C-alpha atoms as a PDB file:
ATOM      1  CA  MET A   1     157.499 243.617-162.744  1.00  0.00           C
ATOM      2  CA  VAL A   2     155.880 240.611-164.388  1.00  0.00           C
ATOM      3  CA  VAL A   3     154.516 237.989-162.014  1.00  0.00           C
ATOM      4  CA  LYS A   4     156.778 234.965-161.720  1.00  0.00           C
ATOM      5  CA  LEU A   5     155.124 232.381-163.962  1.00  0.00           C
ATOM      6  CA  ASP A   6     158.426 231.257-165.502  1.00  0.00           C
ATOM      7  CA  TRP A   7     157.693 232.914-168.842  1.00  0.00           C
ATOM      8  CA  GLN A   8     161.445 233.067-169.402  1.00  0.00           C
ATOM      9  CA  GLY A   9     161.769 229.361-168.614  1.00  0.00           C
ATOM     10  CA  GLN A  10     159.599 226.273-168.910  1.00  0.00           C
ATOM     11  CA  VAL A  11     156.244 228.056-169.251  1.00  0.00           C
ATOM     12  CA  GLY A  12     157.545 230.117-172.163  1.00  0.00           C
ATOM     13  CA  LYS A  13     159.018 227.023-173.813  1.00  0.00           C
ATOM     14  CA  GLU A  14     155.757 225.089-173.468  1.00  0.00           C
ATOM     15  CA  TRP A  15     153.700 227.973-174.826  1.00  0.00           C
ATOM     16  CA  ALA A  16     156.071 228.181-177.799  1.00  0.00           C
ATOM     17  CA  ILE A  17     155.585 224.466-178.484  1.00  0.00           C
ATOM     18  CA  ARG A  18     151.794 224.865-178.234  1.00  0.00           C
ATOM     19  CA  ALA A  19     151.576 228.184-180.117  1.00  0.00           C
ATOM     20  CA  ASP A  20     149.307 226.559-182.718  1.00  0.00           C
ATOM     21  CA  GLY A  21     146.695 225.636-180.132  1.00  0.00           C
ATOM     22  CA  LEU A  22     146.973 228.880-178.199  1.00  0.00           C
ATOM     23  CA  ASN A  23     146.104 230.907-181.256  1.00  0.00           C
ATOM     24  CA  GLN A  24     143.050 228.734-181.890  1.00  0.00           C
ATOM     25  CA  LEU A  25     141.880 229.352-178.324  1.00  0.00           C
ATOM     26  CA  LEU A  26     142.745 233.035-177.994  1.00  0.00           C
ATOM     27  CA  GLY A  27     142.132 234.115-181.567  1.00  0.00           C
ATOM     28  CA  PRO A  28     138.329 234.541-181.679  1.00  0.00           C
ATOM     29  CA  VAL A  29     138.070 236.944-178.733  1.00  0.00           C
ATOM     30  CA  GLY A  30     141.430 238.476-179.605  1.00  0.00           C
ATOM     31  CA  GLN A  31     140.162 239.460-183.027  1.00  0.00           C
ATOM     32  CA  ALA A  32     137.313 241.347-181.382  1.00  0.00           C
ATOM     33  CA  GLY A  33     139.907 243.367-179.473  1.00  0.00           C
ATOM     34  CA  ILE A  34     141.784 244.246-182.659  1.00  0.00           C
ATOM     35  CA  LYS A  35     138.526 245.356-184.282  1.00  0.00           C
ATOM     36  CA  ALA A  36     137.889 247.657-181.317  1.00  0.00           C
ATOM     37  CA  LEU A  37     140.986 249.711-182.238  1.00  0.00           C
ATOM     38  CA  GLY A  38     139.359 250.813-185.488  1.00  0.00           C
ATOM     39  CA  ASP A  39     141.489 251.741-188.486  1.00  0.00           C
ATOM     40  CA  VAL A  40     145.163 251.155-187.638  1.00  0.00           C
ATOM     41  CA  ALA A  41     146.584 251.629-191.138  1.00  0.00           C
ATOM     42  CA  GLY A  42     149.743 253.732-190.962  1.00  0.00           C
ATOM     43  CA  LYS A  43     149.654 253.927-187.168  1.00  0.00           C
ATOM     44  CA  ARG A  44     152.344 252.863-184.717  1.00  0.00           C
ATOM     45  CA  VAL A  45     150.915 250.066-182.553  1.00  0.00           C
ATOM     46  CA  LEU A  46     152.469 248.475-179.452  1.00  0.00           C
ATOM     47  CA  ASP A  47     151.417 244.842-178.904  1.00  0.00           C
ATOM     48  CA  VAL A  48     151.871 244.103-175.179  1.00  0.00           C
ATOM     49  CA  GLY A  49     152.464 240.420-174.439  1.00  0.00           C
ATOM     50  CA  CYS A  50     152.703 239.595-178.134  1.00  0.00           C
ATOM     51  CA  GLY A  51     153.841 236.014-177.536  1.00  0.00           C
ATOM     52  CA  ALA A  52     154.588 234.154-180.758  1.00  0.00           C
ATOM     53  CA  GLY A  53     153.460 237.130-182.807  1.00  0.00           C
ATOM     54  CA  SER A  54     150.081 236.127-184.222  1.00  0.00           C
ATOM     55  CA  THR A  55     148.420 239.333-183.001  1.00  0.00           C
ATOM     56  CA  SER A  56     151.310 241.480-184.232  1.00  0.00           C
ATOM     57  CA  ARG A  57     151.029 239.867-187.647  1.00  0.00           C
ATOM     58  CA  ALA A  58     147.263 240.458-187.680  1.00  0.00           C
ATOM     59  CA  LEU A  59     147.767 244.145-186.880  1.00  0.00           C
ATOM     60  CA  SER A  60     150.514 244.417-189.481  1.00  0.00           C
ATOM     61  CA  ALA A  61     148.210 242.892-192.101  1.00  0.00           C
ATOM     62  CA  LEU A  62     145.827 245.793-191.411  1.00  0.00           C
ATOM     63  CA  GLY A  63     148.572 248.267-192.303  1.00  0.00           C
ATOM     64  CA  ALA A  64     149.888 249.073-188.812  1.00  0.00           C
ATOM     65  CA  ASP A  65     153.536 249.679-187.985  1.00  0.00           C
ATOM     66  CA  VAL A  66     153.799 247.132-185.158  1.00  0.00           C
ATOM     67  CA  THR A  67     156.190 246.623-182.278  1.00  0.00           C
ATOM     68  CA  GLY A  68     155.585 243.506-180.202  1.00  0.00           C
ATOM     69  CA  VAL A  69     156.940 243.139-176.674  1.00  0.00           C
ATOM     70  CA  ASP A  70     157.163 239.995-174.554  1.00  0.00           C
ATOM     71  CA  VAL A  71     159.298 238.545-171.749  1.00  0.00           C
ATOM     72  CA  SER A  72     159.625 235.077-173.321  1.00  0.00           C
ATOM     73  CA  SER A  73     162.607 234.633-175.624  1.00  0.00           C
ATOM     74  CA  ASP A  74     161.197 231.292-176.796  1.00  0.00           C
ATOM     75  CA  LEU A  75     157.936 232.872-177.949  1.00  0.00           C
ATOM     76  CA  LEU A  76     159.741 235.805-179.561  1.00  0.00           C
ATOM     77  CA  GLU A  77     161.946 233.442-181.552  1.00  0.00           C
ATOM     78  CA  LEU A  78     158.768 232.253-183.260  1.00  0.00           C
ATOM     79  CA  ALA A  79     157.503 235.808-183.695  1.00  0.00           C
ATOM     80  CA  LYS A  80     160.747 236.949-185.323  1.00  0.00           C
ATOM     81  CA  GLU A  81     160.384 234.391-188.099  1.00  0.00           C
ATOM     82  CA  ASN A  82     158.204 237.058-189.725  1.00  0.00           C
ATOM     83  CA  LYS A  83     160.342 240.087-190.629  1.00  0.00           C
ATOM     84  CA  THR A  84     157.525 242.623-191.070  1.00  0.00           C
ATOM     85  CA  GLU A  85     157.167 243.595-187.383  1.00  0.00           C
ATOM     86  CA  ARG A  86     159.689 244.665-184.738  1.00  0.00           C
ATOM     87  CA  TYR A  87     159.952 242.680-181.518  1.00  0.00           C
ATOM     88  CA  ILE A  88     161.419 243.617-178.151  1.00  0.00           C
ATOM     89  CA  LEU A  89     162.429 241.177-175.421  1.00  0.00           C
ATOM     90  CA  ALA A  90     161.427 243.255-172.402  1.00  0.00           C
ATOM     91  CA  ASP A  91     159.184 243.685-169.389  1.00  0.00           C
ATOM     92  CA  ALA A  92     156.479 246.016-170.718  1.00  0.00           C
ATOM     93  CA  SER A  93     155.710 247.240-167.202  1.00  0.00           C
ATOM     94  CA  ARG A  94     159.100 248.895-166.709  1.00  0.00           C
ATOM     95  CA  ASP A  95     161.449 248.727-169.724  1.00  0.00           C
ATOM     96  CA  THR A  96     161.831 251.220-172.577  1.00  0.00           C
ATOM     97  CA  LEU A  97     159.354 250.340-175.313  1.00  0.00           C
ATOM     98  CA  GLY A  98     160.384 252.596-178.185  1.00  0.00           C
ATOM     99  CA  GLY A  99     157.367 254.897-178.241  1.00  0.00           C
ATOM    100  CA  PRO A 100     155.478 257.060-178.727  1.00  0.00           C
ATOM    101  CA  TYR A 101     152.644 254.907-180.090  1.00  0.00           C
ATOM    102  CA  ASP A 102     149.296 255.710-181.634  1.00  0.00           C
ATOM    103  CA  ALA A 103     147.658 252.594-180.197  1.00  0.00           C
ATOM    104  CA  VAL A 104     148.321 249.934-177.573  1.00  0.00           C
ATOM    105  CA  TYR A 105     146.858 246.453-177.881  1.00  0.00           C
ATOM    106  CA  SER A 106     147.115 243.525-175.501  1.00  0.00           C
ATOM    107  CA  ARG A 107     145.590 240.079-175.906  1.00  0.00           C
ATOM    108  CA  PHE A 108     145.746 238.485-172.456  1.00  0.00           C
ATOM    109  CA  GLY A 109     148.983 240.234-171.557  1.00  0.00           C
ATOM    110  CA  ALA A 110     147.536 242.818-169.163  1.00  0.00           C
ATOM    111  CA  MET A 111     146.858 240.640-166.149  1.00  0.00           C
ATOM    112  CA  PHE A 112     150.303 239.427-165.115  1.00  0.00           C
ATOM    113  CA  PHE A 113     151.998 242.510-163.668  1.00  0.00           C
ATOM    114  CA  ASP A 114     152.877 242.339-159.963  1.00  0.00           C
ATOM    115  CA  ASP A 115     152.079 246.061-159.746  1.00  0.00           C
ATOM    116  CA  PRO A 116     149.482 246.569-162.489  1.00  0.00           C
ATOM    117  CA  THR A 117     148.872 250.268-161.815  1.00  0.00           C
ATOM    118  CA  ALA A 118     152.561 251.099-162.072  1.00  0.00           C
ATOM    119  CA  GLY A 119     152.833 248.929-165.166  1.00  0.00           C
ATOM    120  CA  TRP A 120     150.017 250.716-166.960  1.00  0.00           C
ATOM    121  CA  VAL A 121     151.338 254.115-165.879  1.00  0.00           C
ATOM    122  CA  HIS A 122     154.616 253.145-167.543  1.00  0.00           C
ATOM    123  CA  ILE A 123     152.926 251.951-170.747  1.00  0.00           C
ATOM    124  CA  ARG A 124     150.863 255.158-170.944  1.00  0.00           C
ATOM    125  CA  ALA A 125     154.061 257.177-170.554  1.00  0.00           C
ATOM    126  CA  GLN A 126     155.480 255.333-173.588  1.00  0.00           C
ATOM    127  CA  SER A 127     152.384 256.248-175.628  1.00  0.00           C
ATOM    128  CA  GLY A 128     151.553 259.368-177.599  1.00  0.00           C
ATOM    129  CA  ALA A 129     148.802 261.875-176.791  1.00  0.00           C
ATOM    130  CA  GLY A 130     145.393 260.433-177.624  1.00  0.00           C
ATOM    131  CA  CYS A 131     146.792 256.914-177.928  1.00  0.00           C
ATOM    132  CA  LYS A 132     144.033 254.334-178.321  1.00  0.00           C
ATOM    133  CA  LEU A 133     143.937 251.366-175.949  1.00  0.00           C
ATOM    134  CA  SER A 134     142.402 247.921-176.477  1.00  0.00           C
ATOM    135  CA  ILE A 135     142.878 245.164-173.913  1.00  0.00           C
ATOM    136  CA  VAL A 136     141.425 241.661-174.088  1.00  0.00           C
ATOM    137  CA  SER A 137     141.175 239.932-170.701  1.00  0.00           C
ATOM    138  CA  TRP A 138     139.282 236.876-169.526  1.00  0.00           C
ATOM    139  CA  CYS A 139     135.989 237.145-167.717  1.00  0.00           C
ATOM    140  CA  ASP A 140     135.285 234.744-164.844  1.00  0.00           C
ATOM    141  CA  ALA A 141     136.895 231.295-165.034  1.00  0.00           C
ATOM    142  CA  ASN A 142     133.492 229.630-164.852  1.00  0.00           C
ATOM    143  CA  ASP A 143     132.535 231.395-168.102  1.00  0.00           C
ATOM    144  CA  ASN A 144     135.509 229.897-169.925  1.00  0.00           C
ATOM    145  CA  GLY A 145     135.280 226.262-170.894  1.00  0.00           C
ATOM    146  CA  TRP A 146     139.010 225.908-171.518  1.00  0.00           C
ATOM    147  CA  ALA A 147     139.480 226.372-167.741  1.00  0.00           C
ATOM    148  CA  SER A 148     136.253 225.136-166.131  1.00  0.00           C
ATOM    149  CA  ILE A 149     135.681 221.931-168.124  1.00  0.00           C
ATOM    150  CA  PRO A 150     139.072 220.282-167.424  1.00  0.00           C
ATOM    151  CA  MET A 151     139.089 221.397-163.792  1.00  0.00           C
ATOM    152  CA  MET A 152     135.628 219.961-163.128  1.00  0.00           C
ATOM    153  CA  ALA A 153     136.521 216.734-164.943  1.00  0.00           C
ATOM    154  CA  ALA A 154     139.679 216.311-162.858  1.00  0.00           C
ATOM    155  CA  ARG A 155     138.113 217.208-159.506  1.00  0.00           C
ATOM    156  CA  PRO A 156     137.020 213.663-158.514  1.00  0.00           C
ATOM    157  CA  ILE A 157     140.604 212.498-159.127  1.00  0.00           C
ATOM    158  CA  LEU A 158     142.771 215.372-157.893  1.00  0.00           C
ATOM    159  CA  GLY A 159     140.413 216.647-155.194  1.00  0.00           C
ATOM    160  CA  PRO A 160     138.900 220.094-154.604  1.00  0.00           C
ATOM    161  CA  GLU A 161     142.088 221.766-153.367  1.00  0.00           C
ATOM    162  CA  LYS A 162     143.950 221.186-156.630  1.00  0.00           C
ATOM    163  CA  THR A 163     140.985 222.047-158.819  1.00  0.00           C
ATOM    164  CA  GLN A 164     139.989 225.431-157.448  1.00  0.00           C
ATOM    165  CA  MET A 165     139.376 228.051-160.098  1.00  0.00           C
ATOM    166  CA  ALA A 166     141.977 230.805-160.319  1.00  0.00           C
ATOM    167  CA  PRO A 167     140.881 233.843-158.293  1.00  0.00           C
ATOM    168  CA  SER A 168     140.374 237.328-159.671  1.00  0.00           C
ATOM    169  CA  THR A 169     142.527 240.309-158.574  1.00  0.00           C
ATOM    170  CA  VAL A 170     145.573 237.989-158.213  1.00  0.00           C
ATOM    171  CA  PRO A 171     148.099 238.170-161.083  1.00  0.00           C
ATOM    172  CA  GLY A 172     147.155 235.397-163.485  1.00  0.00           C
ATOM    173  CA  PRO A 173     144.733 234.630-166.305  1.00  0.00           C
ATOM    174  CA  PHE A 174     141.587 235.738-164.434  1.00  0.00           C
ATOM    175  CA  ALA A 175     143.056 238.657-162.497  1.00  0.00           C
ATOM    176  CA  TRP A 176     140.946 241.128-164.496  1.00  0.00           C
ATOM    177  CA  ALA A 177     137.651 239.251-164.315  1.00  0.00           C
ATOM    178  CA  ASP A 178     136.108 242.010-162.146  1.00  0.00           C
ATOM    179  CA  PRO A 179     135.476 245.296-164.039  1.00  0.00           C
ATOM    180  CA  GLU A 180     135.669 247.330-160.832  1.00  0.00           C
ATOM    181  CA  TYR A 181     139.190 245.987-160.301  1.00  0.00           C
ATOM    182  CA  PHE A 182     140.603 246.655-163.761  1.00  0.00           C
ATOM    183  CA  GLY A 183     138.652 249.914-164.092  1.00  0.00           C
ATOM    184  CA  ASN A 184     140.303 251.276-160.958  1.00  0.00           C
ATOM    185  CA  ILE A 185     143.741 250.180-162.174  1.00  0.00           C
ATOM    186  CA  LEU A 186     143.432 251.861-165.556  1.00  0.00           C
ATOM    187  CA  ARG A 187     141.843 255.037-164.187  1.00  0.00           C
ATOM    188  CA  SER A 188     144.565 255.297-161.536  1.00  0.00           C
ATOM    189  CA  ALA A 189     147.153 254.818-164.285  1.00  0.00           C
ATOM    190  CA  GLY A 190     145.728 257.828-166.139  1.00  0.00           C
ATOM    191  CA  TRP A 191     143.856 256.116-168.965  1.00  0.00           C
ATOM    192  CA  GLN A 192     140.654 257.911-169.942  1.00  0.00           C
ATOM    193  CA  ASN A 193     137.365 257.315-171.748  1.00  0.00           C
ATOM    194  CA  LEU A 194     137.297 253.742-170.505  1.00  0.00           C
ATOM    195  CA  GLN A 195     134.619 251.396-171.753  1.00  0.00           C
ATOM    196  CA  TRP A 196     134.286 247.627-171.711  1.00  0.00           C
ATOM    197  CA  LYS A 197     132.001 244.932-172.980  1.00  0.00           C
ATOM    198  CA  ALA A 198     131.985 241.152-172.717  1.00  0.00           C
ATOM    199  CA  VAL A 199     132.206 239.061-175.871  1.00  0.00           C
ATOM    200  CA  ASP A 200     131.335 235.376-176.178  1.00  0.00           C
ATOM    201  CA  ARG A 201     133.030 233.197-178.762  1.00  0.00           C
ATOM    202  CA  LEU A 202     133.348 229.475-179.330  1.00  0.00           C
ATOM    203  CA  ALA A 203     136.996 228.462-179.589  1.00  0.00           C
ATOM    204  CA  GLU A 204     138.787 225.258-180.447  1.00  0.00           C
ATOM    205  CA  ILE A 205     140.940 223.458-177.886  1.00  0.00           C
ATOM    206  CA  THR A 206     143.677 221.713-179.824  1.00  0.00           C
ATOM    207  CA  THR A 207     147.393 221.126-180.153  1.00  0.00           C
ATOM    208  CA  GLY A 208     149.574 218.676-181.995  1.00  0.00           C
ATOM    209  CA  ASP A 209     148.814 216.529-185.024  1.00  0.00           C
ATOM    210  CA  ASN A 210     146.805 213.641-183.576  1.00  0.00           C
ATOM    211  CA  PRO A 211     143.949 212.915-186.013  1.00  0.00           C
ATOM    212  CA  ASP A 212     141.537 212.559-183.064  1.00  0.00           C
ATOM    213  CA  PRO A 213     140.273 216.032-182.022  1.00  0.00           C
ATOM    214  CA  VAL A 214     139.454 214.832-178.509  1.00  0.00           C
ATOM    215  CA  GLU A 215     143.036 213.623-178.031  1.00  0.00           C
ATOM    216  CA  ARG A 216     144.321 216.992-179.260  1.00  0.00           C
ATOM    217  CA  ALA A 217     142.111 218.750-176.696  1.00  0.00           C
ATOM    218  CA  VAL A 218     143.249 216.412-173.905  1.00  0.00           C
ATOM    219  CA  LEU A 219     146.910 217.060-174.718  1.00  0.00           C
ATOM    220  CA  PHE A 220     146.329 220.812-174.657  1.00  0.00           C
ATOM    221  CA  SER A 221     144.669 220.701-171.241  1.00  0.00           C
ATOM    222  CA  LEU A 222     147.382 218.500-169.771  1.00  0.00           C
ATOM    223  CA  ARG A 223     150.182 220.758-170.997  1.00  0.00           C
ATOM    224  CA  ILE A 224     148.803 224.331-170.929  1.00  0.00           C
ATOM    225  CA  GLY A 225     146.761 226.338-168.486  1.00  0.00           C
ATOM    226  CA  ILE A 226     145.099 225.974-165.112  1.00  0.00           C
ATOM    227  CA  LEU A 227     144.939 222.203-164.867  1.00  0.00           C
ATOM    228  CA  ALA A 228     148.426 221.658-166.270  1.00  0.00           C
ATOM    229  CA  ARG A 229     150.006 223.474-163.321  1.00  0.00           C
ATOM    230  CA  HIS A 230     148.450 220.956-160.952  1.00  0.00           C
ATOM    231  CA  MET A 231     149.603 217.945-162.955  1.00  0.00           C
ATOM    232  CA  ALA A 232     153.297 218.458-162.236  1.00  0.00           C
ATOM    233  CA  GLY A 233     154.684 215.522-160.293  1.00  0.00           C
ATOM    234  CA  VAL A 234     151.580 213.308-160.410  1.00  0.00           C
ATOM    235  CA  SER A 235     152.027 209.603-161.110  1.00  0.00           C
ATOM    236  CA  ASP A 236     151.491 208.077-164.536  1.00  0.00           C
ATOM    237  CA  GLU A 237     148.417 206.327-163.132  1.00  0.00           C
ATOM    238  CA  ILE A 238     146.838 209.589-161.962  1.00  0.00           C
ATOM    239  CA  ARG A 239     147.747 211.308-165.223  1.00  0.00           C
ATOM    240  CA  GLU A 240     145.961 208.611-167.215  1.00  0.00           C
ATOM    241  CA  GLN A 241     142.912 208.814-164.953  1.00  0.00           C
ATOM    242  CA  VAL A 242     142.721 212.561-165.555  1.00  0.00           C
ATOM    243  CA  ALA A 243     143.208 212.061-169.291  1.00  0.00           C
ATOM    244  CA  ALA A 244     140.341 209.540-169.343  1.00  0.00           C
ATOM    245  CA  ALA A 245     138.079 211.994-167.495  1.00  0.00           C
ATOM    246  CA  LEU A 246     138.972 214.725-169.990  1.00  0.00           C
ATOM    247  CA  ARG A 247     138.205 212.463-172.941  1.00  0.00           C
ATOM    248  CA  LEU A 248     134.754 211.823-171.546  1.00  0.00           C
ATOM    249  CA  ALA A 249     134.074 215.501-170.773  1.00  0.00           C
ATOM    250  CA  TYR A 250     135.185 216.748-174.181  1.00  0.00           C
ATOM    251  CA  GLN A 251     132.846 214.386-176.022  1.00  0.00           C
ATOM    252  CA  ASP A 252     130.030 216.824-175.194  1.00  0.00           C
ATOM    253  CA  TYR A 253     131.874 219.623-177.036  1.00  0.00           C
ATOM    254  CA  LEU A 254     132.886 217.731-180.157  1.00  0.00           C
ATOM    255  CA  VAL A 255     131.703 219.512-183.304  1.00  0.00           C
ATOM    256  CA  GLY A 256     132.854 217.805-186.483  1.00  0.00           C
ATOM    257  CA  ASN A 257     136.620 217.471-186.261  1.00  0.00           C
ATOM    258  CA  ALA A 258     137.089 219.928-183.404  1.00  0.00           C
ATOM    259  CA  VAL A 259     136.433 220.322-179.693  1.00  0.00           C
ATOM    260  CA  ARG A 260     134.858 223.765-179.339  1.00  0.00           C
ATOM    261  CA  VAL A 261     134.172 225.325-175.945  1.00  0.00           C
ATOM    262  CA  PRO A 262     132.621 228.617-174.816  1.00  0.00           C
ATOM    263  CA  THR A 263     134.978 231.493-174.048  1.00  0.00           C
ATOM    264  CA  LYS A 264     134.137 234.902-172.637  1.00  0.00           C
ATOM    265  CA  ALA A 265     136.407 237.929-172.426  1.00  0.00           C
ATOM    266  CA  TRP A 266     136.311 241.650-171.727  1.00  0.00           C
ATOM    267  CA  ILE A 267     137.185 244.039-174.523  1.00  0.00           C
ATOM    268  CA  ILE A 268     138.460 247.129-172.677  1.00  0.00           C
ATOM    269  CA  THR A 269     139.019 250.348-174.593  1.00  0.00           C
ATOM    270  CA  GLY A 270     140.250 253.810-173.691  1.00  0.00           C
ATOM    271  CA  THR A 271     142.661 256.591-174.564  1.00  0.00           C
ATOM    272  CA  SER A 272     145.839 257.981-173.003  1.00  0.00           C
END
């Protein structure tokens, strides 16, 4: 079962609104995960946690026959605007997924199952023999500027308790930061020939149409991700103080007309 992060409610709606910025952030490391699958032309590919469909479209453009699955109806409404791929509103960890598949891909959709071993057993069972696997998951929060920079900037205002980095091994964005943890999950779920490597990419933090790239980055951080969860219910005064701290912090990462921060993710591959 997917961890309760309100993907079917407000979180899903907000991610749909900010789909432009999310693809800018997730795209560089996500593309490395697609490349790790090799030639997908003519193959049936399951895209786990497909969101608004950018990864499914990328796989389809390479000639794959793609089925995307996600629990957010708001994100899938955006995905379905493109008629090339199929999309399923479902919990990938337990619902029928329409297999068998030749390959399974997941860009930051692997880390949110309440019972990850059972979830990946289920996905393997929906896959064909010799199915290729490629999972992209975040390394440590401190290696990812989209999380660490806003949290450190906000710490003097919100305090240390509300600006702790998300822990590993707990369902959430950094649950799979520890290779021993995700390696044990996937091995226990029956996946074989597992390998992983870390990739570093600069990625843009942005959303909306403000001509100021710093303001676009500030809006993204206030509405999406680790810091945003701690901003719920704060006063307008505190919100503006945090925004001012973010503006100052992001000046150091301004490159031309974009705020670009370091990101680091695991590319995990294997076979069924």
